[in-house]
Amino acid sequence: MLFILWGFVAMTMLLWGRGIFCGWLCPFGALQELINEAARRLKIKQYEIPFAVHERLWALKYVILLALFAVSLESLSEAERYSEVEPFKTAFLLQFNREWGYVLYAVALLVINIFTRKVYCRYICPLGPPWQSLHACVCLTG
């Protein structure tokens, strides 16, 4: 199912220039936005990722996507296991009721998001459209 979703995201990115799912429907992205907005309203200090670090991290999501694609050519079941880089299943489908490693990963991403905006979407999510990295770049450079 996840690969069908990824195919849909890739197709919409080609047709409309960005992913419909990532830009409008992703519940993990929305959860990140809500947490970060609450943190900002509570005046929690926000940190911007330095441009030098951003410049090195932005391509990580594409490396992850290519790696998942390569694994999927060999075995779809293995690729599905490695696709757990996406915390959606942990956070929403299983409501954090699963092995501690998955929960720790999803919670760590959300905690990081308290202090900086959408790190997961910008640097890890293989579904994340390029505009998220570009937005970060524009914000950091003024």
Protein backbone atom coordinates (compact mmCIF):
# COMPACT_ATOMS: atom_id res chain seq x y z
CA MET A 1 0.00 0.00 0.00
CA LEU A 2 2.83 2.37 0.86
CA PHE A 3 4.38 1.95 -2.59
CA ILE A 4 1.05 2.80 -4.23
CA LEU A 5 0.99 5.96 -2.12
CA TRP A 6 4.57 6.79 -3.13
CA GLY A 7 3.65 6.28 -6.77
CA PHE A 8 0.72 8.66 -6.35
CA VAL A 9 2.98 11.26 -4.73
CA ALA A 10 5.57 10.93 -7.50
CA MET A 11 2.89 11.27 -10.19
CA THR A 12 1.34 14.36 -8.60
CA MET A 13 4.78 15.92 -8.19
CA LEU A 14 5.38 15.48 -11.91
CA LEU A 15 1.94 16.80 -12.88
CA TRP A 16 1.50 19.64 -10.37
CA GLY A 17 5.05 20.37 -9.27
CA ARG A 18 4.58 19.13 -5.71
CA GLY A 19 3.04 16.25 -3.89
CA ILE A 20 -0.65 16.61 -3.13
CA PHE A 21 -0.33 14.12 -0.29
CA CYS A 22 2.68 15.80 1.32
CA GLY A 23 1.45 19.32 0.86
CA TRP A 24 -2.15 18.85 1.93
CA LEU A 25 -2.96 15.43 3.36
CA CYS A 26 0.00 14.03 5.32
CA PRO A 27 -1.14 13.58 8.93
CA PHE A 28 2.43 13.29 10.25
CA GLY A 29 3.31 16.60 8.58
CA ALA A 30 0.18 18.14 10.08
CA LEU A 31 1.11 16.78 13.51
CA GLN A 32 4.56 18.32 13.15
CA GLU A 33 3.01 21.65 12.17
CA LEU A 34 0.65 21.59 15.17
CA ILE A 35 3.44 20.74 17.61
CA ASN A 36 5.73 23.41 16.22
CA GLU A 37 2.97 26.02 16.19
CA ALA A 38 2.13 25.22 19.83
CA ALA A 39 5.82 25.47 20.74
CA ARG A 40 6.06 28.87 19.05
CA ARG A 41 2.98 30.13 20.89
CA LEU A 42 4.47 28.89 24.15
CA LYS A 43 7.60 30.93 23.25
CA ILE A 44 9.87 27.88 23.09
CA LYS A 45 13.13 28.94 21.47
CA GLN A 46 13.26 27.89 17.82
CA TYR A 47 16.48 26.88 16.12
CA GLU A 48 17.21 27.24 12.45
CA ILE A 49 19.44 24.63 10.92
CA PRO A 50 22.60 26.33 9.68
CA PHE A 51 22.76 26.59 5.91
CA ALA A 52 25.97 24.54 5.75
CA VAL A 53 24.22 21.66 7.55
CA HIS A 54 21.02 22.11 5.55
CA GLU A 55 23.02 21.99 2.34
CA ARG A 56 24.42 18.59 3.31
CA LEU A 57 21.16 17.13 4.68
CA TRP A 58 18.62 18.08 2.01
CA ALA A 59 19.62 15.24 -0.32
CA LEU A 60 19.28 12.57 2.40
CA LYS A 61 15.59 12.00 1.58
CA TYR A 62 16.48 11.23 -2.04
CA VAL A 63 19.18 8.77 -0.97
CA ILE A 64 16.56 7.06 1.22
CA LEU A 65 14.07 7.00 -1.68
CA LEU A 66 16.62 5.52 -4.08
CA ALA A 67 17.68 2.94 -1.50
CA LEU A 68 14.07 1.90 -0.91
CA PHE A 69 13.49 1.69 -4.65
CA ALA A 70 16.61 -0.47 -5.08
CA VAL A 71 15.51 -2.79 -2.26
CA SER A 72 12.01 -3.01 -3.77
CA LEU A 73 13.48 -4.31 -7.02
CA GLU A 74 14.91 -7.24 -5.07
CA SER A 75 12.09 -7.86 -2.57
CA LEU A 76 8.89 -5.94 -1.92
CA SER A 77 8.56 -7.48 1.54
CA GLU A 78 12.04 -6.25 2.50
CA ALA A 79 11.28 -2.83 1.06
CA GLU A 80 8.10 -2.67 3.10
CA ARG A 81 10.10 -3.41 6.24
CA TYR A 82 12.64 -0.69 5.43
CA SER A 83 9.88 1.76 4.58
CA GLU A 84 9.33 2.12 8.32
CA VAL A 85 11.49 5.22 7.95
CA GLU A 86 8.02 6.74 7.54
CA PRO A 87 6.59 7.06 11.10
CA PHE A 88 2.99 7.32 9.88
CA LYS A 89 2.22 3.69 10.73
CA THR A 90 3.61 4.04 14.25
CA ALA A 91 1.94 7.36 15.01
CA PHE A 92 -1.46 6.92 13.40
CA LEU A 93 -2.27 3.35 12.45
CA LEU A 94 -0.87 1.77 15.60
CA GLN A 95 -1.16 4.87 17.82
CA PHE A 96 2.34 4.41 19.30
CA ASN A 97 1.40 0.88 20.44
CA ARG A 98 4.31 -1.13 19.02
CA GLU A 99 7.96 -2.06 19.66
CA TRP A 100 9.91 0.58 21.58
CA GLY A 101 12.38 1.28 18.74
CA TYR A 102 9.65 2.45 16.39
CA VAL A 103 7.99 4.50 19.12
CA LEU A 104 11.30 6.08 20.14
CA TYR A 105 12.01 7.03 16.53
CA ALA A 106 8.59 8.65 15.99
CA VAL A 107 8.65 10.44 19.35
CA ALA A 108 12.22 11.69 18.77
CA LEU A 109 11.14 13.19 15.44
CA LEU A 110 8.23 14.95 17.14
CA VAL A 111 10.40 16.22 20.01
CA ILE A 112 12.96 17.63 17.57
CA ASN A 113 10.06 19.35 15.85
CA ILE A 114 9.34 21.31 19.02
CA PHE A 115 12.54 23.25 18.43
CA THR A 116 12.74 23.41 14.64
CA ARG A 117 10.14 23.17 11.92
CA LYS A 118 9.44 19.93 9.99
CA VAL A 119 12.89 18.35 10.14
CA TYR A 120 11.45 14.98 9.18
CA CYS A 121 9.71 16.34 6.08
CA ARG A 122 12.67 18.39 4.96
CA TYR A 123 15.46 15.86 5.45
CA ILE A 124 14.19 12.29 5.93
CA CYS A 125 10.81 11.72 4.31
CA PRO A 126 11.31 10.01 0.95
CA LEU A 127 7.87 11.28 -0.07
CA GLY A 128 8.71 14.88 0.73
CA PRO A 129 8.64 17.17 -2.27
CA PRO A 130 11.63 19.37 -3.16
CA TRP A 131 9.72 22.56 -2.27
CA GLN A 132 10.12 21.76 1.44
CA SER A 133 13.91 21.82 1.12
CA LEU A 134 13.70 24.90 -1.09
CA HIS A 135 11.44 26.62 1.48
CA ALA A 136 14.00 25.90 4.18
CA CYS A 137 16.75 27.26 1.98
CA VAL A 138 14.82 30.46 1.24
CA CYS A 139 14.00 30.92 4.93
CA LEU A 140 17.61 30.47 5.94
CA THR A 141 19.04 32.78 3.32
CA GLY A 142 16.52 35.51 3.84
